[in-house]
């Protein structure tokens, strides 16, 4: 799984993240996004 689209943006702005999945037999039942801020645990964002 390879994420892209991150960067620096001003508050109020927008970003579009992409995740490309590869593998000869890749098939998933679901996918999700998590995030981890400095000093914090990884948390669920969306699925």
ModelCIF file with pLDDT and N, C-alpha, C, O atoms, coordinates in Angstrom:
data_MODEL
#
_entry.id   MODEL 
#
_entity.id                         1 
_entity.type                       polymer 
_entity.pdbx_number_of_molecules   1 
#
_entity_poly.entity_id                      1 
_entity_poly.type                           'polypeptide(L)' 
_entity_poly.nstd_linkage                   no 
_entity_poly.nstd_monomer                   no 
_entity_poly.pdbx_seq_one_letter_code       
;(UNK)(UNK)(UNK)(UNK)(UNK)(UNK)(UNK)(UNK)(UNK)(UNK)(UNK)(UNK)(UNK)(UNK)(UNK)(UNK)
(UNK)(UNK)(UNK)(UNK)(UNK)(UNK)(UNK)(UNK)(UNK)(UNK)(UNK)(UNK)(UNK)(UNK)(UNK)(UNK)
(UNK)(UNK)(UNK)(UNK)(UNK)(UNK)(UNK)(UNK)(UNK)(UNK)(UNK)(UNK)(UNK)(UNK)(UNK)
;
_entity_poly.pdbx_seq_one_letter_code_can   XXXXXXXXXXXXXXXXXXXXXXXXXXXXXXXXXXXXXXXXXXXXXXX 
_entity_poly.pdbx_strand_id                 A 
#
loop_
_entity_poly_seq.entity_id 
_entity_poly_seq.num 
_entity_poly_seq.mon_id 
_entity_poly_seq.hetero 
1 1  UNK n 
1 2  UNK n 
1 3  UNK n 
1 4  UNK n 
1 5  UNK n 
1 6  UNK n 
1 7  UNK n 
1 8  UNK n 
1 9  UNK n 
1 10 UNK n 
1 11 UNK n 
1 12 UNK n 
1 13 UNK n 
1 14 UNK n 
1 15 UNK n 
1 16 UNK n 
1 17 UNK n 
1 18 UNK n 
1 19 UNK n 
1 20 UNK n 
1 21 UNK n 
1 22 UNK n 
1 23 UNK n 
1 24 UNK n 
1 25 UNK n 
1 26 UNK n 
1 27 UNK n 
1 28 UNK n 
1 29 UNK n 
1 30 UNK n 
1 31 UNK n 
1 32 UNK n 
1 33 UNK n 
1 34 UNK n 
1 35 UNK n 
1 36 UNK n 
1 37 UNK n 
1 38 UNK n 
1 39 UNK n 
1 40 UNK n 
1 41 UNK n 
1 42 UNK n 
1 43 UNK n 
1 44 UNK n 
1 45 UNK n 
1 46 UNK n 
1 47 UNK n 
#
_struct_asym.id          A 
_struct_asym.entity_id   1 
#
loop_
_ma_qa_metric.id 
_ma_qa_metric.mode 
_ma_qa_metric.name 
_ma_qa_metric.software_group_id 
_ma_qa_metric.type 
1 global pLDDT . pLDDT 
2 local  pLDDT . pLDDT 
#
_ma_qa_metric_global.metric_id      1 
_ma_qa_metric_global.metric_value   94.19 
_ma_qa_metric_global.model_id       1 
_ma_qa_metric_global.ordinal_id     1 
#
loop_
_ma_qa_metric_local.label_asym_id 
_ma_qa_metric_local.label_comp_id 
_ma_qa_metric_local.label_seq_id 
_ma_qa_metric_local.metric_id 
_ma_qa_metric_local.metric_value 
_ma_qa_metric_local.model_id 
_ma_qa_metric_local.ordinal_id 
A UNK 1  2 96.00 1 1  
A UNK 2  2 96.00 1 2  
A UNK 3  2 97.00 1 3  
A UNK 4  2 97.00 1 4  
A UNK 5  2 98.00 1 5  
A UNK 6  2 98.00 1 6  
A UNK 7  2 98.00 1 7  
A UNK 8  2 98.00 1 8  
A UNK 9  2 98.00 1 9  
A UNK 10 2 98.00 1 10 
A UNK 11 2 98.00 1 11 
A UNK 12 2 98.00 1 12 
A UNK 13 2 98.00 1 13 
A UNK 14 2 98.00 1 14 
A UNK 15 2 98.00 1 15 
A UNK 16 2 98.00 1 16 
A UNK 17 2 98.00 1 17 
A UNK 18 2 98.00 1 18 
A UNK 19 2 97.00 1 19 
A UNK 20 2 95.00 1 20 
A UNK 21 2 93.00 1 21 
A UNK 22 2 89.00 1 22 
A UNK 23 2 85.00 1 23 
A UNK 24 2 71.00 1 24 
A UNK 25 2 71.00 1 25 
A UNK 26 2 73.00 1 26 
A UNK 27 2 81.00 1 27 
A UNK 28 2 85.00 1 28 
A UNK 29 2 87.00 1 29 
A UNK 30 2 92.00 1 30 
A UNK 31 2 95.00 1 31 
A UNK 32 2 97.00 1 32 
A UNK 33 2 98.00 1 33 
A UNK 34 2 98.00 1 34 
A UNK 35 2 98.00 1 35 
A UNK 36 2 98.00 1 36 
A UNK 37 2 97.00 1 37 
A UNK 38 2 93.00 1 38 
A UNK 39 2 95.00 1 39 
A UNK 40 2 97.00 1 40 
A UNK 41 2 97.00 1 41 
A UNK 42 2 98.00 1 42 
A UNK 43 2 98.00 1 43 
A UNK 44 2 98.00 1 44 
A UNK 45 2 98.00 1 45 
A UNK 46 2 98.00 1 46 
A UNK 47 2 97.00 1 47 
#
loop_
_atom_site.group_PDB 
_atom_site.id 
_atom_site.type_symbol 
_atom_site.label_atom_id 
_atom_site.label_alt_id 
_atom_site.label_comp_id 
_atom_site.label_asym_id 
_atom_site.label_entity_id 
_atom_site.label_seq_id 
_atom_site.pdbx_PDB_ins_code 
_atom_site.Cartn_x 
_atom_site.Cartn_y 
_atom_site.Cartn_z 
_atom_site.occupancy 
_atom_site.B_iso_or_equiv 
_atom_site.pdbx_formal_charge 
_atom_site.auth_seq_id 
_atom_site.auth_comp_id 
_atom_site.auth_asym_id 
_atom_site.auth_atom_id 
_atom_site.pdbx_PDB_model_num 
ATOM 1   N N  . UNK A 1 1  ? 0.861   -1.173  0.000  1.00 96.00 ? 1  UNK A N  1 
ATOM 2   C CA . UNK A 1 1  ? 0.000   0.000   0.000  1.00 96.00 ? 1  UNK A CA 1 
ATOM 3   C C  . UNK A 1 1  ? 0.899   1.224   0.000  1.00 96.00 ? 1  UNK A C  1 
ATOM 4   O O  . UNK A 1 1  ? 1.785   1.351   0.845  1.00 96.00 ? 1  UNK A O  1 
ATOM 5   N N  . UNK A 1 2  ? 0.671   2.123   -0.946 1.00 96.00 ? 2  UNK A N  1 
ATOM 6   C CA . UNK A 1 2  ? 1.514   3.306   -1.067 1.00 96.00 ? 2  UNK A CA 1 
ATOM 7   C C  . UNK A 1 2  ? 0.631   4.552   -1.053 1.00 96.00 ? 2  UNK A C  1 
ATOM 8   O O  . UNK A 1 2  ? -0.215  4.744   -1.927 1.00 96.00 ? 2  UNK A O  1 
ATOM 9   N N  . UNK A 1 3  ? 0.846   5.387   -0.049 1.00 97.00 ? 3  UNK A N  1 
ATOM 10  C CA . UNK A 1 3  ? 0.084   6.624   0.067  1.00 97.00 ? 3  UNK A CA 1 
ATOM 11  C C  . UNK A 1 3  ? 0.788   7.757   -0.669 1.00 97.00 ? 3  UNK A C  1 
ATOM 12  O O  . UNK A 1 3  ? 2.011   7.764   -0.807 1.00 97.00 ? 3  UNK A O  1 
ATOM 13  N N  . UNK A 1 4  ? -0.006  8.709   -1.136 1.00 97.00 ? 4  UNK A N  1 
ATOM 14  C CA . UNK A 1 4  ? 0.535   9.912   -1.763 1.00 97.00 ? 4  UNK A CA 1 
ATOM 15  C C  . UNK A 1 4  ? -0.457  11.050  -1.568 1.00 97.00 ? 4  UNK A C  1 
ATOM 16  O O  . UNK A 1 4  ? -1.607  10.838  -1.185 1.00 97.00 ? 4  UNK A O  1 
ATOM 17  N N  . UNK A 1 5  ? 0.017   12.264  -1.840 1.00 98.00 ? 5  UNK A N  1 
ATOM 18  C CA . UNK A 1 5  ? -0.869  13.418  -1.782 1.00 98.00 ? 5  UNK A CA 1 
ATOM 19  C C  . UNK A 1 5  ? -0.726  14.277  -0.549 1.00 98.00 ? 5  UNK A C  1 
ATOM 20  O O  . UNK A 1 5  ? -1.373  15.318  -0.440 1.00 98.00 ? 5  UNK A O  1 
ATOM 21  N N  . UNK A 1 6  ? 0.114   13.858  0.382  1.00 98.00 ? 6  UNK A N  1 
ATOM 22  C CA . UNK A 1 6  ? 0.309   14.669  1.568  1.00 98.00 ? 6  UNK A CA 1 
ATOM 23  C C  . UNK A 1 6  ? 1.105   15.925  1.243  1.00 98.00 ? 6  UNK A C  1 
ATOM 24  O O  . UNK A 1 6  ? 1.627   16.074  0.138  1.00 98.00 ? 6  UNK A O  1 
ATOM 25  N N  . UNK A 1 7  ? 1.191   16.818  2.209  1.00 98.00 ? 7  UNK A N  1 
ATOM 26  C CA . UNK A 1 7  ? 1.943   18.043  1.998  1.00 98.00 ? 7  UNK A CA 1 
ATOM 27  C C  . UNK A 1 7  ? 1.604   19.082  3.031  1.00 98.00 ? 7  UNK A C  1 
ATOM 28  O O  . UNK A 1 7  ? 1.002   18.792  4.065  1.00 98.00 ? 7  UNK A O  1 
ATOM 29  N N  . UNK A 1 8  ? 2.004   20.308  2.730  1.00 98.00 ? 8  UNK A N  1 
ATOM 30  C CA . UNK A 1 8  ? 1.769   21.445  3.608  1.00 98.00 ? 8  UNK A CA 1 
ATOM 31  C C  . UNK A 1 8  ? 0.614   22.270  3.056  1.00 98.00 ? 8  UNK A C  1 
ATOM 32  O O  . UNK A 1 8  ? 0.598   22.613  1.874  1.00 98.00 ? 8  UNK A O  1 
ATOM 33  N N  . UNK A 1 9  ? -0.346  22.586  3.909  1.00 98.00 ? 9  UNK A N  1 
ATOM 34  C CA . UNK A 1 9  ? -1.510  23.347  3.484  1.00 98.00 ? 9  UNK A CA 1 
ATOM 35  C C  . UNK A 1 9  ? -1.913  24.284  4.608  1.00 98.00 ? 9  UNK A C  1 
ATOM 36  O O  . UNK A 1 9  ? -1.704  23.984  5.783  1.00 98.00 ? 9  UNK A O  1 
ATOM 37  N N  . UNK A 1 10 ? -2.491  25.417  4.244  1.00 98.00 ? 10 UNK A N  1 
ATOM 38  C CA . UNK A 1 10 ? -2.968  26.352  5.261  1.00 98.00 ? 10 UNK A CA 1 
ATOM 39  C C  . UNK A 1 10 ? -4.295  25.884  5.835  1.00 98.00 ? 10 UNK A C  1 
ATOM 40  O O  . UNK A 1 10 ? -5.059  25.176  5.180  1.00 98.00 ? 10 UNK A O  1 
ATOM 41  N N  . UNK A 1 11 ? -4.548  26.285  7.046  1.00 98.00 ? 11 UNK A N  1 
ATOM 42  C CA . UNK A 1 11 ? -5.817  25.965  7.683  1.00 98.00 ? 11 UNK A CA 1 
ATOM 43  C C  . UNK A 1 11 ? -6.967  26.456  6.805  1.00 98.00 ? 11 UNK A C  1 
ATOM 44  O O  . UNK A 1 11 ? -6.939  27.563  6.266  1.00 98.00 ? 11 UNK A O  1 
ATOM 45  N N  . UNK A 1 12 ? -7.970  25.602  6.681  1.00 98.00 ? 12 UNK A N  1 
ATOM 46  C CA . UNK A 1 12 ? -9.099  25.918  5.819  1.00 98.00 ? 12 UNK A CA 1 
ATOM 47  C C  . UNK A 1 12 ? -8.957  25.369  4.415  1.00 98.00 ? 12 UNK A C  1 
ATOM 48  O O  . UNK A 1 12 ? -9.916  25.359  3.644  1.00 98.00 ? 12 UNK A O  1 
ATOM 49  N N  . UNK A 1 13 ? -7.763  24.914  4.083  1.00 98.00 ? 13 UNK A N  1 
ATOM 50  C CA . UNK A 1 13 ? -7.507  24.381  2.752  1.00 98.00 ? 13 UNK A CA 1 
ATOM 51  C C  . UNK A 1 13 ? -7.895  22.919  2.616  1.00 98.00 ? 13 UNK A C  1 
ATOM 52  O O  . UNK A 1 13 ? -8.493  22.323  3.512  1.00 98.00 ? 13 UNK A O  1 
ATOM 53  N N  . UNK A 1 14 ? -7.533  22.358  1.461  1.00 98.00 ? 14 UNK A N  1 
ATOM 54  C CA . UNK A 1 14 ? -7.913  20.980  1.145  1.00 98.00 ? 14 UNK A CA 1 
ATOM 55  C C  . UNK A 1 14 ? -6.704  20.191  0.657  1.00 98.00 ? 14 UNK A C  1 
ATOM 56  O O  . UNK A 1 14 ? -5.759  20.744  0.095  1.00 98.00 ? 14 UNK A O  1 
ATOM 57  N N  . UNK A 1 15 ? -6.762  18.896  0.887  1.00 98.00 ? 15 UNK A N  1 
ATOM 58  C CA . UNK A 1 15 ? -5.791  17.958  0.335  1.00 98.00 ? 15 UNK A CA 1 
ATOM 59  C C  . UNK A 1 15 ? -6.528  16.691  -0.053 1.00 98.00 ? 15 UNK A C  1 
ATOM 60  O O  . UNK A 1 15 ? -7.570  16.361  0.513  1.00 98.00 ? 15 UNK A O  1 
ATOM 61  N N  . UNK A 1 16 ? -5.974  15.990  -1.025 1.00 98.00 ? 16 UNK A N  1 
ATOM 62  C CA . UNK A 1 16 ? -6.558  14.727  -1.489 1.00 98.00 ? 16 UNK A CA 1 
ATOM 63  C C  . UNK A 1 16 ? -5.489  13.654  -1.382 1.00 98.00 ? 16 UNK A C  1 
ATOM 64  O O  . UNK A 1 16 ? -4.495  13.680  -2.108 1.00 98.00 ? 16 UNK A O  1 
ATOM 65  N N  . UNK A 1 17 ? -5.698  12.719  -0.480 1.00 98.00 ? 17 UNK A N  1 
ATOM 66  C CA . UNK A 1 17 ? -4.757  11.623  -0.313 1.00 98.00 ? 17 UNK A CA 1 
ATOM 67  C C  . UNK A 1 17 ? -5.194  10.437  -1.162 1.00 98.00 ? 17 UNK A C  1 
ATOM 68  O O  . UNK A 1 17 ? -6.385  10.167  -1.318 1.00 98.00 ? 17 UNK A O  1 
ATOM 69  N N  . UNK A 1 18 ? -4.207  9.738   -1.707 1.00 98.00 ? 18 UNK A N  1 
ATOM 70  C CA . UNK A 1 18 ? -4.471  8.528   -2.462 1.00 98.00 ? 18 UNK A CA 1 
ATOM 71  C C  . UNK A 1 18 ? -3.691  7.374   -1.863 1.00 98.00 ? 18 UNK A C  1 
ATOM 72  O O  . UNK A 1 18 ? -2.614  7.559   -1.296 1.00 98.00 ? 18 UNK A O  1 
ATOM 73  N N  . UNK A 1 19 ? -4.246  6.191   -1.997 1.00 97.00 ? 19 UNK A N  1 
ATOM 74  C CA . UNK A 1 19 ? -3.568  4.974   -1.565 1.00 97.00 ? 19 UNK A CA 1 
ATOM 75  C C  . UNK A 1 19 ? -3.704  3.965   -2.692 1.00 97.00 ? 19 UNK A C  1 
ATOM 76  O O  . UNK A 1 19 ? -4.807  3.569   -3.069 1.00 97.00 ? 19 UNK A O  1 
ATOM 77  N N  . UNK A 1 20 ? -2.563  3.561   -3.219 1.00 95.00 ? 20 UNK A N  1 
ATOM 78  C CA . UNK A 1 20 ? -2.548  2.587   -4.297 1.00 95.00 ? 20 UNK A CA 1 
ATOM 79  C C  . UNK A 1 20 ? -2.137  1.235   -3.743 1.00 95.00 ? 20 UNK A C  1 
ATOM 80  O O  . UNK A 1 20 ? -1.078  1.095   -3.131 1.00 95.00 ? 20 UNK A O  1 
ATOM 81  N N  . UNK A 1 21 ? -2.977  0.253   -3.963 1.00 93.00 ? 21 UNK A N  1 
ATOM 82  C CA . UNK A 1 21 ? -2.699  -1.101  -3.487 1.00 93.00 ? 21 UNK A CA 1 
ATOM 83  C C  . UNK A 1 21 ? -2.216  -1.961  -4.646 1.00 93.00 ? 21 UNK A C  1 
ATOM 84  O O  . UNK A 1 21 ? -2.765  -1.906  -5.747 1.00 93.00 ? 21 UNK A O  1 
ATOM 85  N N  . UNK A 1 22 ? -1.204  -2.740  -4.390 1.00 89.00 ? 22 UNK A N  1 
ATOM 86  C CA . UNK A 1 22 ? -0.678  -3.624  -5.438 1.00 89.00 ? 22 UNK A CA 1 
ATOM 87  C C  . UNK A 1 22 ? -0.334  -4.974  -4.837 1.00 89.00 ? 22 UNK A C  1 
ATOM 88  O O  . UNK A 1 22 ? -0.188  -5.123  -3.624 1.00 89.00 ? 22 UNK A O  1 
ATOM 89  N N  . UNK A 1 23 ? -0.212  -5.928  -5.699 1.00 85.00 ? 23 UNK A N  1 
ATOM 90  C CA . UNK A 1 23 ? 0.056   -7.285  -5.261 1.00 85.00 ? 23 UNK A CA 1 
ATOM 91  C C  . UNK A 1 23 ? -0.682  -8.211  -6.199 1.00 85.00 ? 23 UNK A C  1 
ATOM 92  O O  . UNK A 1 23 ? -1.802  -7.917  -6.616 1.00 85.00 ? 23 UNK A O  1 
ATOM 93  N N  . UNK A 1 24 ? -0.086  -9.280  -6.518 1.00 71.00 ? 24 UNK A N  1 
ATOM 94  C CA . UNK A 1 24 ? -0.626  -10.144 -7.563 1.00 71.00 ? 24 UNK A CA 1 
ATOM 95  C C  . UNK A 1 24 ? -2.051  -10.584 -7.269 1.00 71.00 ? 24 UNK A C  1 
ATOM 96  O O  . UNK A 1 24 ? -2.872  -10.691 -8.180 1.00 71.00 ? 24 UNK A O  1 
ATOM 97  N N  . UNK A 1 25 ? -2.346  -10.837 -6.005 1.00 71.00 ? 25 UNK A N  1 
ATOM 98  C CA . UNK A 1 25 ? -3.674  -11.350 -5.682 1.00 71.00 ? 25 UNK A CA 1 
ATOM 99  C C  . UNK A 1 25 ? -4.419  -10.435 -4.727 1.00 71.00 ? 25 UNK A C  1 
ATOM 100 O O  . UNK A 1 25 ? -5.237  -10.886 -3.925 1.00 71.00 ? 25 UNK A O  1 
ATOM 101 N N  . UNK A 1 26 ? -4.121  -9.118  -4.825 1.00 73.00 ? 26 UNK A N  1 
ATOM 102 C CA . UNK A 1 26 ? -4.733  -8.216  -3.856 1.00 73.00 ? 26 UNK A CA 1 
ATOM 103 C C  . UNK A 1 26 ? -6.234  -8.142  -4.026 1.00 73.00 ? 26 UNK A C  1 
ATOM 104 O O  . UNK A 1 26 ? -6.755  -7.921  -5.119 1.00 73.00 ? 26 UNK A O  1 
ATOM 105 N N  . UNK A 1 27 ? -6.911  -8.335  -2.910 1.00 81.00 ? 27 UNK A N  1 
ATOM 106 C CA . UNK A 1 27 ? -8.354  -8.178  -2.844 1.00 81.00 ? 27 UNK A CA 1 
ATOM 107 C C  . UNK A 1 27 ? -8.690  -7.881  -1.392 1.00 81.00 ? 27 UNK A C  1 
ATOM 108 O O  . UNK A 1 27 ? -8.259  -8.606  -0.495 1.00 81.00 ? 27 UNK A O  1 
ATOM 109 N N  . UNK A 1 28 ? -9.443  -6.838  -1.154 1.00 85.00 ? 28 UNK A N  1 
ATOM 110 C CA . UNK A 1 28 ? -9.741  -6.464  0.221  1.00 85.00 ? 28 UNK A CA 1 
ATOM 111 C C  . UNK A 1 28 ? -11.232 -6.412  0.457  1.00 85.00 ? 28 UNK A C  1 
ATOM 112 O O  . UNK A 1 28 ? -12.013 -6.218  -0.475 1.00 85.00 ? 28 UNK A O  1 
ATOM 113 N N  . UNK A 1 29 ? -11.622 -6.585  1.694  1.00 87.00 ? 29 UNK A N  1 
ATOM 114 C CA . UNK A 1 29 ? -13.020 -6.446  2.094  1.00 87.00 ? 29 UNK A CA 1 
ATOM 115 C C  . UNK A 1 29 ? -13.334 -5.019  2.511  1.00 87.00 ? 29 UNK A C  1 
ATOM 116 O O  . UNK A 1 29 ? -14.483 -4.579  2.475  1.00 87.00 ? 29 UNK A O  1 
ATOM 117 N N  . UNK A 1 30 ? -12.307 -4.322  2.900  1.00 92.00 ? 30 UNK A N  1 
ATOM 118 C CA . UNK A 1 30 ? -12.487 -2.938  3.299  1.00 92.00 ? 30 UNK A CA 1 
ATOM 119 C C  . UNK A 1 30 ? -11.144 -2.263  3.440  1.00 92.00 ? 30 UNK A C  1 
ATOM 120 O O  . UNK A 1 30 ? -10.110 -2.926  3.522  1.00 92.00 ? 30 UNK A O  1 
ATOM 121 N N  . UNK A 1 31 ? -11.158 -0.961  3.466  1.00 95.00 ? 31 UNK A N  1 
ATOM 122 C CA . UNK A 1 31 ? -9.936  -0.194  3.642  1.00 95.00 ? 31 UNK A CA 1 
ATOM 123 C C  . UNK A 1 31 ? -10.206 0.995   4.551  1.00 95.00 ? 31 UNK A C  1 
ATOM 124 O O  . UNK A 1 31 ? -11.350 1.395   4.764  1.00 95.00 ? 31 UNK A O  1 
ATOM 125 N N  . UNK A 1 32 ? -9.145  1.534   5.068  1.00 97.00 ? 32 UNK A N  1 
ATOM 126 C CA . UNK A 1 32 ? -9.331  2.650   5.989  1.00 97.00 ? 32 UNK A CA 1 
ATOM 127 C C  . UNK A 1 32 ? -8.141  3.578   6.013  1.00 97.00 ? 32 UNK A C  1 
ATOM 128 O O  . UNK A 1 32 ? -7.071  3.263   5.493  1.00 97.00 ? 32 UNK A O  1 
ATOM 129 N N  . UNK A 1 33 ? -8.344  4.714   6.620  1.00 98.00 ? 33 UNK A N  1 
ATOM 130 C CA . UNK A 1 33 ? -7.301  5.703   6.863  1.00 98.00 ? 33 UNK A CA 1 
ATOM 131 C C  . UNK A 1 33 ? -7.165  5.916   8.370  1.00 98.00 ? 33 UNK A C  1 
ATOM 132 O O  . UNK A 1 33 ? -8.154  6.062   9.088  1.00 98.00 ? 33 UNK A O  1 
ATOM 133 N N  . UNK A 1 34 ? -5.945  5.930   8.816  1.00 98.00 ? 34 UNK A N  1 
ATOM 134 C CA . UNK A 1 34 ? -5.610  6.249   10.198 1.00 98.00 ? 34 UNK A CA 1 
ATOM 135 C C  . UNK A 1 34 ? -4.599  7.397   10.171 1.00 98.00 ? 34 UNK A C  1 
ATOM 136 O O  . UNK A 1 34 ? -4.024  7.699   9.125  1.00 98.00 ? 34 UNK A O  1 
ATOM 137 N N  . UNK A 1 35 ? -4.389  8.024   11.310 1.00 98.00 ? 35 UNK A N  1 
ATOM 138 C CA . UNK A 1 35 ? -3.367  9.072   11.383 1.00 98.00 ? 35 UNK A CA 1 
ATOM 139 C C  . UNK A 1 35 ? -2.694  9.030   12.744 1.00 98.00 ? 35 UNK A C  1 
ATOM 140 O O  . UNK A 1 35 ? -3.249  8.553   13.733 1.00 98.00 ? 35 UNK A O  1 
ATOM 141 N N  . UNK A 1 36 ? -1.476  9.549   12.752 1.00 98.00 ? 36 UNK A N  1 
ATOM 142 C CA . UNK A 1 36 ? -0.711  9.589   13.987 1.00 98.00 ? 36 UNK A CA 1 
ATOM 143 C C  . UNK A 1 36 ? 0.021   10.915  14.089 1.00 98.00 ? 36 UNK A C  1 
ATOM 144 O O  . UNK A 1 36 ? 0.884   11.229  13.269 1.00 98.00 ? 36 UNK A O  1 
ATOM 145 N N  . UNK A 1 37 ? -0.333  11.683  15.096 1.00 97.00 ? 37 UNK A N  1 
ATOM 146 C CA . UNK A 1 37 ? 0.327   12.952  15.352 1.00 97.00 ? 37 UNK A CA 1 
ATOM 147 C C  . UNK A 1 37 ? 1.505   12.715  16.297 1.00 97.00 ? 37 UNK A C  1 
ATOM 148 O O  . UNK A 1 37 ? 1.520   11.717  17.017 1.00 97.00 ? 37 UNK A O  1 
ATOM 149 N N  . UNK A 1 38 ? 2.486   13.610  16.309 1.00 93.00 ? 38 UNK A N  1 
ATOM 150 C CA . UNK A 1 38 ? 3.646   13.435  17.184 1.00 93.00 ? 38 UNK A CA 1 
ATOM 151 C C  . UNK A 1 38 ? 3.234   13.270  18.641 1.00 93.00 ? 38 UNK A C  1 
ATOM 152 O O  . UNK A 1 38 ? 2.464   14.067  19.176 1.00 93.00 ? 38 UNK A O  1 
ATOM 153 N N  . UNK A 1 39 ? 3.751   12.238  19.267 1.00 95.00 ? 39 UNK A N  1 
ATOM 154 C CA . UNK A 1 39 ? 3.478   12.007  20.674 1.00 95.00 ? 39 UNK A CA 1 
ATOM 155 C C  . UNK A 1 39 ? 2.117   11.407  20.975 1.00 95.00 ? 39 UNK A C  1 
ATOM 156 O O  . UNK A 1 39 ? 1.743   11.249  22.137 1.00 95.00 ? 39 UNK A O  1 
ATOM 157 N N  . UNK A 1 40 ? 1.377   11.074  19.925 1.00 97.00 ? 40 UNK A N  1 
ATOM 158 C CA . UNK A 1 40 ? 0.038   10.509  20.131 1.00 97.00 ? 40 UNK A CA 1 
ATOM 159 C C  . UNK A 1 40 ? -0.063  9.131   19.505 1.00 97.00 ? 40 UNK A C  1 
ATOM 160 O O  . UNK A 1 40 ? 0.760   8.746   18.674 1.00 97.00 ? 40 UNK A O  1 
ATOM 161 N N  . UNK A 1 41 ? -1.080  8.400   19.914 1.00 97.00 ? 41 UNK A N  1 
ATOM 162 C CA . UNK A 1 41 ? -1.317  7.084   19.336 1.00 97.00 ? 41 UNK A CA 1 
ATOM 163 C C  . UNK A 1 41 ? -1.967  7.221   17.960 1.00 97.00 ? 41 UNK A C  1 
ATOM 164 O O  . UNK A 1 41 ? -2.603  8.225   17.641 1.00 97.00 ? 41 UNK A O  1 
ATOM 165 N N  . UNK A 1 42 ? -1.783  6.178   17.165 1.00 98.00 ? 42 UNK A N  1 
ATOM 166 C CA . UNK A 1 42 ? -2.434  6.155   15.867 1.00 98.00 ? 42 UNK A CA 1 
ATOM 167 C C  . UNK A 1 42 ? -3.947  6.054   16.076 1.00 98.00 ? 42 UNK A C  1 
ATOM 168 O O  . UNK A 1 42 ? -4.424  5.269   16.896 1.00 98.00 ? 42 UNK A O  1 
ATOM 169 N N  . UNK A 1 43 ? -4.689  6.863   15.320 1.00 98.00 ? 43 UNK A N  1 
ATOM 170 C CA . UNK A 1 43 ? -6.138  6.887   15.502 1.00 98.00 ? 43 UNK A CA 1 
ATOM 171 C C  . UNK A 1 43 ? -6.865  6.702   14.178 1.00 98.00 ? 43 UNK A C  1 
ATOM 172 O O  . UNK A 1 43 ? -6.359  7.044   13.109 1.00 98.00 ? 43 UNK A O  1 
ATOM 173 N N  . UNK A 1 44 ? -8.051  6.156   14.286 1.00 98.00 ? 44 UNK A N  1 
ATOM 174 C CA . UNK A 1 44 ? -8.906  5.936   13.121 1.00 98.00 ? 44 UNK A CA 1 
ATOM 175 C C  . UNK A 1 44 ? -9.404  7.268   12.580 1.00 98.00 ? 44 UNK A C  1 
ATOM 176 O O  . UNK A 1 44 ? -9.754  8.169   13.343 1.00 98.00 ? 44 UNK A O  1 
ATOM 177 N N  . UNK A 1 45 ? -9.431  7.384   11.254 1.00 98.00 ? 45 UNK A N  1 
ATOM 178 C CA . UNK A 1 45 ? -9.947  8.573   10.594 1.00 98.00 ? 45 UNK A CA 1 
ATOM 179 C C  . UNK A 1 45 ? -11.220 8.254   9.811  1.00 98.00 ? 45 UNK A C  1 
ATOM 180 O O  . UNK A 1 45 ? -12.260 8.883   10.007 1.00 98.00 ? 45 UNK A O  1 
ATOM 181 N N  . UNK A 1 46 ? -11.118 7.273   8.926  1.00 98.00 ? 46 UNK A N  1 
ATOM 182 C CA . UNK A 1 46 ? -12.254 6.927   8.075  1.00 98.00 ? 46 UNK A CA 1 
ATOM 183 C C  . UNK A 1 46 ? -12.058 5.523   7.527  1.00 98.00 ? 46 UNK A C  1 
ATOM 184 O O  . UNK A 1 46 ? -10.929 5.061   7.357  1.00 98.00 ? 46 UNK A O  1 
ATOM 185 N N  . UNK A 1 47 ? -13.173 4.848   7.252  1.00 97.00 ? 47 UNK A N  1 
ATOM 186 C CA . UNK A 1 47 ? -13.086 3.510   6.703  1.00 97.00 ? 47 UNK A CA 1 
ATOM 187 C C  . UNK A 1 47 ? -14.247 3.237   5.765  1.00 97.00 ? 47 UNK A C  1 
ATOM 188 O O  . UNK A 1 47 ? -14.343 2.147   5.201  1.00 97.00 ? 47 UNK A O  1 
#
